Amino acid sequence: MGEVLVVSLLVLASLRPASTEEKFIKEGGSVTLDLRPAPSDPITIIQWKFQDSILAEWVEDVLPLAHNREHIKLDIASGRLAMEKMTKAEEGVYSVEVNNLVQKVTYNVMFIKDVPKPDIWIAPLTCSHESDQCTLSCEGNTTGAEPITYSWKTGDGEWKESGKVMPITQEDHGHVKTFTCKMKNPVSEEESDPLPNRLLREMPLESSGVRYEAVLIKEVLNPAGSSWGCWRLGAGPWTEWRQLHLDVLLRDPEQRGRGFWCRMEVPDPRGEERAARMILFLPADSGSKCWAL
């Protein structure tokens, strides 16, 4: 009866489902696969497989170390398999057998792309220092870059991991000057440019020597399909600028006090365009402030 019980336990142990560990890499990158747990006895036989094909193997005093793919290296002492210059064709499941025992841990190697430099979108369009609450969203084309974690920083504070969307309120964030978001995946990370806080009543326009520079705020009319791109001064022509260098504009007395406008094209069956007044910039050297409208 005792022998039957022992055999039954061994059979059950052999049938336990293997655990799979995900390994994310960039195409052309490298990856290292270890034995888990590390074997307690010296390795005398080892065989790594990719899917159902033998990738590397070694049998002490019988079969010399053999690699069936370029840019790989098997350490017969530790059992570690190192692979370089990986291609998309090498994406998949890797398993290993040590001393005639199939190891329970397998590896699923997957390729992902770098995260993009994110932009912060703000909603609603009318968000201003008079609003009680607005919403920030960390946006970018993340196709093929998942899984992604999102972090936010208020002002010069510490990064805090959070979700893609961050609600802001006048009560909690009315004093904050800027917001910054960060995207991160297992192979890369990128930060957005700081976004001036629309809930802040006063935003001084900083001087940088002989030139005044203002980063213009990105607005969202339709998070699913809107695009921004054009600015103009007063009733002047529309210009596709991500930044405005105000050295000439602010020195022209006739330009002072005139507002900048942002135009956003929104999908509309009637072909209409919508424009919203954004920020009024006043000369920094006049002692005036820059107010969000």
Protein backbone atom coordinates (compact mmCIF):
# COMPACT_ATOMS: atom_id res chain seq x y z
CA MET A 1 0.00 0.00 0.00
CA GLY A 2 2.88 2.33 0.89
CA GLU A 3 4.58 1.70 -2.46
CA VAL A 4 1.35 2.47 -4.32
CA LEU A 5 1.02 5.77 -2.42
CA VAL A 6 4.59 6.79 -3.26
CA VAL A 7 4.08 5.98 -6.94
CA SER A 8 0.80 7.92 -6.96
CA LEU A 9 2.48 10.97 -5.43
CA LEU A 10 5.25 10.84 -8.01
CA VAL A 11 2.74 10.62 -10.83
CA LEU A 12 0.79 13.59 -9.44
CA ALA A 13 3.98 15.61 -9.10
CA SER A 14 4.90 14.90 -12.72
CA LEU A 15 1.45 16.06 -13.85
CA ARG A 16 1.58 19.44 -12.10
CA PRO A 17 1.17 22.24 -14.65
CA ALA A 18 4.38 24.09 -15.48
CA SER A 19 4.55 27.79 -14.72
CA THR A 20 5.40 30.17 -17.54
CA GLU A 21 7.47 33.30 -17.07
CA GLU A 22 7.13 36.08 -19.63
CA LYS A 23 10.29 37.67 -21.00
CA PHE A 24 9.89 40.90 -22.98
CA ILE A 25 12.64 42.05 -25.33
CA LYS A 26 13.15 44.33 -28.31
CA GLU A 27 13.81 42.83 -31.72
CA GLY A 28 17.57 42.50 -32.08
CA GLY A 29 18.00 42.44 -28.32
CA SER A 30 19.26 39.76 -25.94
CA VAL A 31 17.73 37.57 -23.24
CA THR A 32 19.01 35.19 -20.57
CA LEU A 33 17.05 32.14 -19.38
CA ASP A 34 17.97 30.53 -16.04
CA LEU A 35 17.07 27.23 -14.40
CA ARG A 36 14.40 27.76 -11.75
CA PRO A 37 14.89 26.41 -9.24
CA ALA A 38 18.62 25.85 -9.60
CA PRO A 39 19.43 22.11 -9.59
CA SER A 40 20.81 20.71 -6.34
CA ASP A 41 22.90 18.04 -8.11
CA PRO A 42 25.61 18.66 -10.73
CA ILE A 43 24.30 18.86 -14.28
CA THR A 44 25.21 15.84 -16.38
CA ILE A 45 22.54 16.09 -19.06
CA ILE A 46 20.81 19.25 -20.30
CA GLN A 47 18.63 20.04 -23.25
CA TRP A 48 16.97 23.38 -24.07
CA LYS A 49 14.08 23.45 -26.53
CA PHE A 50 12.39 26.20 -28.53
CA GLN A 51 8.80 25.13 -29.08
CA ASP A 52 9.35 21.44 -30.02
CA SER A 53 12.82 21.84 -31.56
CA ILE A 54 16.09 21.15 -29.76
CA LEU A 55 17.99 24.38 -29.38
CA ALA A 56 21.07 23.36 -27.36
CA GLU A 57 22.11 20.18 -25.57
CA TRP A 58 24.98 18.49 -23.77
CA VAL A 59 25.53 15.04 -22.23
CA GLU A 60 28.58 14.55 -20.04
CA ASP A 61 31.20 12.22 -21.62
CA VAL A 62 28.76 11.30 -24.39
CA LEU A 63 27.59 14.33 -26.39
CA PRO A 64 29.69 17.48 -26.68
CA LEU A 65 27.99 20.82 -26.30
CA ALA A 66 25.92 21.53 -29.42
CA HIS A 67 24.11 24.72 -30.41
CA ASN A 68 21.52 24.60 -33.17
CA ARG A 69 21.21 28.37 -33.60
CA GLU A 70 23.64 31.24 -34.00
CA HIS A 71 24.17 33.84 -31.27
CA ILE A 72 23.34 31.53 -28.35
CA LYS A 73 25.49 30.24 -25.49
CA LEU A 74 24.70 27.47 -23.01
CA ASP A 75 26.56 27.44 -19.68
CA ILE A 76 26.72 23.73 -18.76
CA ALA A 77 27.67 24.48 -15.14
CA SER A 78 24.64 26.67 -14.34
CA GLY A 79 22.33 25.61 -17.17
CA ARG A 80 21.85 29.24 -18.17
CA LEU A 81 20.99 29.92 -21.81
CA ALA A 82 21.99 33.32 -23.23
CA MET A 83 20.71 34.49 -26.62
CA GLU A 84 21.61 37.61 -28.60
CA LYS A 85 20.46 39.37 -31.78
CA MET A 86 16.99 37.94 -31.39
CA THR A 87 14.61 38.01 -34.35
CA LYS A 88 10.83 37.86 -34.54
CA ALA A 89 11.07 34.22 -35.67
CA GLU A 90 12.56 33.35 -32.26
CA GLU A 91 9.56 34.59 -30.32
CA GLY A 92 7.84 31.78 -28.43
CA VAL A 93 8.11 29.22 -25.61
CA TYR A 94 11.44 27.88 -24.33
CA SER A 95 11.69 24.82 -22.06
CA VAL A 96 14.55 22.84 -20.54
CA GLU A 97 15.23 19.29 -19.36
CA VAL A 98 17.97 18.70 -16.80
CA ASN A 99 19.30 15.28 -15.76
CA ASN A 100 16.35 13.67 -17.57
CA LEU A 101 13.82 15.78 -15.64
CA VAL A 102 11.64 18.31 -17.42
CA GLN A 103 11.81 21.58 -15.48
CA LYS A 104 8.51 23.08 -14.36
CA VAL A 105 9.35 26.65 -15.35
CA THR A 106 9.12 27.56 -19.04
CA TYR A 107 9.75 30.93 -20.65
CA ASN A 108 7.57 32.77 -23.12
CA VAL A 109 9.79 35.24 -24.99
CA MET A 110 7.84 38.12 -26.54
CA PHE A 111 8.91 41.11 -28.59
CA ILE A 112 7.65 44.60 -27.79
CA LYS A 113 8.41 48.09 -29.08
CA ASP A 114 9.72 51.11 -27.22
CA VAL A 115 7.05 53.31 -25.69
CA PRO A 116 6.47 56.62 -27.49
CA LYS A 117 7.13 60.03 -26.00
CA PRO A 118 3.73 60.72 -24.43
CA ASP A 119 1.56 63.82 -24.65
CA ILE A 120 -0.80 64.97 -21.93
CA TRP A 121 -4.35 65.62 -23.03
CA ILE A 122 -6.62 67.73 -20.86
CA ALA A 123 -10.40 67.70 -20.68
CA PRO A 124 -12.79 69.39 -20.80
CA LEU A 125 -11.86 72.04 -23.32
CA THR A 126 -13.09 74.73 -20.96
CA CYS A 127 -10.78 73.65 -18.11
CA SER A 128 -9.39 76.78 -16.46
CA HIS A 129 -8.58 78.35 -13.09
CA GLU A 130 -12.33 78.66 -12.58
CA SER A 131 -12.88 74.89 -12.87
CA ASP A 132 -13.32 72.65 -9.84
CA GLN A 133 -12.02 69.51 -11.56
CA CYS A 134 -10.40 68.49 -14.84
CA THR A 135 -8.93 65.28 -16.22
CA LEU A 136 -5.46 64.60 -17.60
CA SER A 137 -4.70 61.65 -19.87
CA CYS A 138 -1.26 60.29 -20.81
CA GLU A 139 -1.56 59.59 -24.54
CA GLY A 140 0.55 58.12 -27.34
CA ASN A 141 0.54 55.37 -29.95
CA THR A 142 1.23 52.31 -27.78
CA THR A 143 0.48 49.65 -30.41
CA GLY A 144 2.95 46.82 -29.90
CA ALA A 145 4.44 48.41 -26.77
CA GLU A 146 2.22 46.84 -24.10
CA PRO A 147 2.31 46.09 -21.21
CA ILE A 148 2.72 49.71 -20.08
CA THR A 149 2.68 51.31 -16.65
CA TYR A 150 1.90 54.99 -16.17
CA SER A 151 3.37 57.40 -13.64
CA TRP A 152 2.62 61.05 -12.86
CA LYS A 153 4.65 63.86 -11.36
CA THR A 154 3.22 67.12 -10.02
CA GLY A 155 5.65 70.02 -10.20
CA ASP A 156 9.10 68.92 -9.07
CA GLY A 157 7.69 66.14 -6.87
CA GLU A 158 8.36 62.42 -6.95
CA TRP A 159 7.03 60.06 -9.60
CA LYS A 160 3.97 58.11 -8.49
CA GLU A 161 2.77 55.07 -10.43
CA SER A 162 -0.88 55.45 -11.31
CA GLY A 163 -3.24 54.89 -14.21
CA LYS A 164 -3.34 56.43 -17.65
CA VAL A 165 -5.89 59.00 -16.51
CA MET A 166 -5.32 61.44 -13.64
CA PRO A 167 -8.15 63.59 -12.24
CA ILE A 168 -7.03 66.97 -10.91
CA THR A 169 -9.02 69.24 -8.61
CA GLN A 170 -8.76 72.84 -7.56
CA GLU A 171 -8.60 71.76 -3.93
CA ASP A 172 -5.72 69.28 -4.34
CA HIS A 173 -3.83 70.69 -7.32
CA GLY A 174 -4.69 74.39 -7.53
CA HIS A 175 -1.18 75.30 -6.35
CA VAL A 176 0.74 72.96 -8.69
CA LYS A 177 2.63 74.60 -11.57
CA THR A 178 3.05 71.65 -13.96
CA PHE A 179 2.11 68.03 -14.56
CA THR A 180 4.30 65.41 -16.26
CA CYS A 181 3.45 61.83 -17.19
CA LYS A 182 5.68 58.85 -17.94
CA MET A 183 5.13 55.64 -19.90
CA LYS A 184 7.21 52.60 -19.05
CA ASN A 185 7.38 49.03 -20.32
CA PRO A 186 9.95 46.27 -19.70
CA VAL A 187 12.31 47.62 -22.39
CA SER A 188 11.91 51.42 -22.37
CA GLU A 189 10.46 54.52 -20.73
CA GLU A 190 9.63 58.04 -21.91
CA GLU A 191 8.45 61.24 -20.20
CA SER A 192 6.10 63.88 -21.57
CA ASP A 193 6.94 67.56 -21.64
CA PRO A 194 5.66 69.34 -18.51
CA LEU A 195 2.10 70.60 -18.94
CA PRO A 196 1.25 73.94 -17.31
CA ASN A 197 -1.57 73.57 -14.80
CA ARG A 198 -4.78 75.05 -16.17
CA LEU A 199 -6.19 75.23 -12.63
CA LEU A 200 -3.43 77.57 -11.55
CA ARG A 201 -4.62 81.19 -11.49
CA GLU A 202 -1.29 82.81 -12.30
CA MET A 203 1.43 81.40 -14.55
CA PRO A 204 4.48 83.68 -14.82
CA LEU A 205 6.02 83.76 -18.29
CA GLU A 206 9.66 82.86 -17.72
CA SER A 207 12.42 84.72 -19.51
CA SER A 208 15.39 82.89 -21.06
CA GLY A 209 17.92 85.64 -21.83
CA VAL A 210 17.01 87.61 -24.92
CA ARG A 211 14.16 85.32 -25.91
CA TYR A 212 10.80 84.64 -24.29
CA GLU A 213 9.58 81.11 -24.87
CA ALA A 214 6.20 79.64 -24.01
CA VAL A 215 5.16 76.01 -24.41
CA LEU A 216 1.56 76.05 -25.59
CA ILE A 217 -1.00 73.80 -23.98
CA LYS A 218 -2.48 70.84 -25.83
CA GLU A 219 -6.26 70.70 -25.67
CA VAL A 220 -8.67 67.84 -26.31
CA LEU A 221 -12.05 68.19 -27.97
CA ASN A 222 -12.50 64.56 -28.83
CA PRO A 223 -9.99 62.13 -27.24
CA ALA A 224 -10.83 59.43 -29.80
CA GLY A 225 -10.28 61.40 -32.97
CA SER A 226 -9.28 65.02 -32.50
CA SER A 227 -6.01 66.51 -33.63
CA TRP A 228 -4.40 69.80 -32.77
CA GLY A 229 -1.89 71.71 -34.74
CA CYS A 230 -2.50 75.39 -35.46
CA TRP A 231 -2.04 78.62 -33.54
CA ARG A 232 -2.50 82.24 -34.44
CA LEU A 233 -1.96 85.64 -32.87
CA GLY A 234 -5.13 87.70 -32.77
CA ALA A 235 -6.71 87.62 -36.20
CA GLY A 236 -3.43 86.72 -37.91
CA PRO A 237 -2.75 83.67 -40.08
CA TRP A 238 -2.85 80.11 -38.69
CA THR A 239 0.60 78.60 -38.13
CA GLU A 240 1.57 75.02 -37.30
CA TRP A 241 3.82 75.59 -34.28
CA ARG A 242 4.40 73.34 -31.31
CA GLN A 243 6.22 76.22 -29.59
CA LEU A 244 6.11 79.96 -30.09
CA HIS A 245 9.32 81.96 -29.73
CA LEU A 246 8.05 85.33 -28.57
CA ASP A 247 11.17 87.48 -28.90
CA VAL A 248 9.72 89.49 -31.79
CA LEU A 249 6.06 89.32 -30.87
CA LEU A 250 6.48 90.64 -27.35
CA ARG A 251 8.68 93.51 -28.45
CA ASP A 252 6.13 94.86 -30.86
CA PRO A 253 3.91 97.34 -28.92
CA GLU A 254 1.06 96.75 -31.34
CA GLN A 255 1.04 93.04 -30.52
CA ARG A 256 0.77 93.42 -26.75
CA GLY A 257 -2.48 92.35 -25.22
CA ARG A 258 -3.55 90.29 -28.20
CA GLY A 259 -4.42 86.67 -27.50
CA PHE A 260 -3.23 83.45 -29.04
CA TRP A 261 -5.82 81.12 -30.48
CA CYS A 262 -5.76 77.37 -31.01
CA ARG A 263 -7.65 75.67 -33.83
CA MET A 264 -8.50 71.97 -33.68
CA GLU A 265 -10.06 69.99 -36.46
CA VAL A 266 -12.73 67.60 -35.23
CA PRO A 267 -14.44 64.91 -37.33
CA ASP A 268 -17.79 66.42 -38.26
CA PRO A 269 -20.14 65.40 -41.11
CA ARG A 270 -20.83 69.09 -41.75
CA GLY A 271 -17.12 69.78 -42.20
CA GLU A 272 -17.11 72.44 -39.51
CA GLU A 273 -14.03 73.61 -37.63
CA ARG A 274 -14.01 74.65 -34.00
CA ALA A 275 -11.66 77.17 -32.42
CA ALA A 276 -11.13 77.99 -28.78
CA ARG A 277 -9.28 80.87 -27.21
CA MET A 278 -6.49 79.51 -25.07
CA ILE A 279 -3.93 81.76 -23.42
CA LEU A 280 -3.21 85.48 -23.32
CA PHE A 281 0.53 86.18 -23.10
CA LEU A 282 1.77 89.51 -21.80
CA PRO A 283 5.37 90.75 -21.80
CA ALA A 284 7.39 89.20 -19.00
CA ASP A 285 9.48 92.33 -18.55
CA SER A 286 6.39 94.47 -17.92
CA GLY A 287 5.68 92.75 -14.61
CA SER A 288 2.41 91.37 -15.96
CA LYS A 289 1.33 87.78 -15.60
CA CYS A 290 0.23 85.14 -18.03
CA TRP A 291 -3.37 84.19 -17.35
CA ALA A 292 -5.25 81.18 -18.63
CA LEU A 293 -8.52 82.26 -20.22
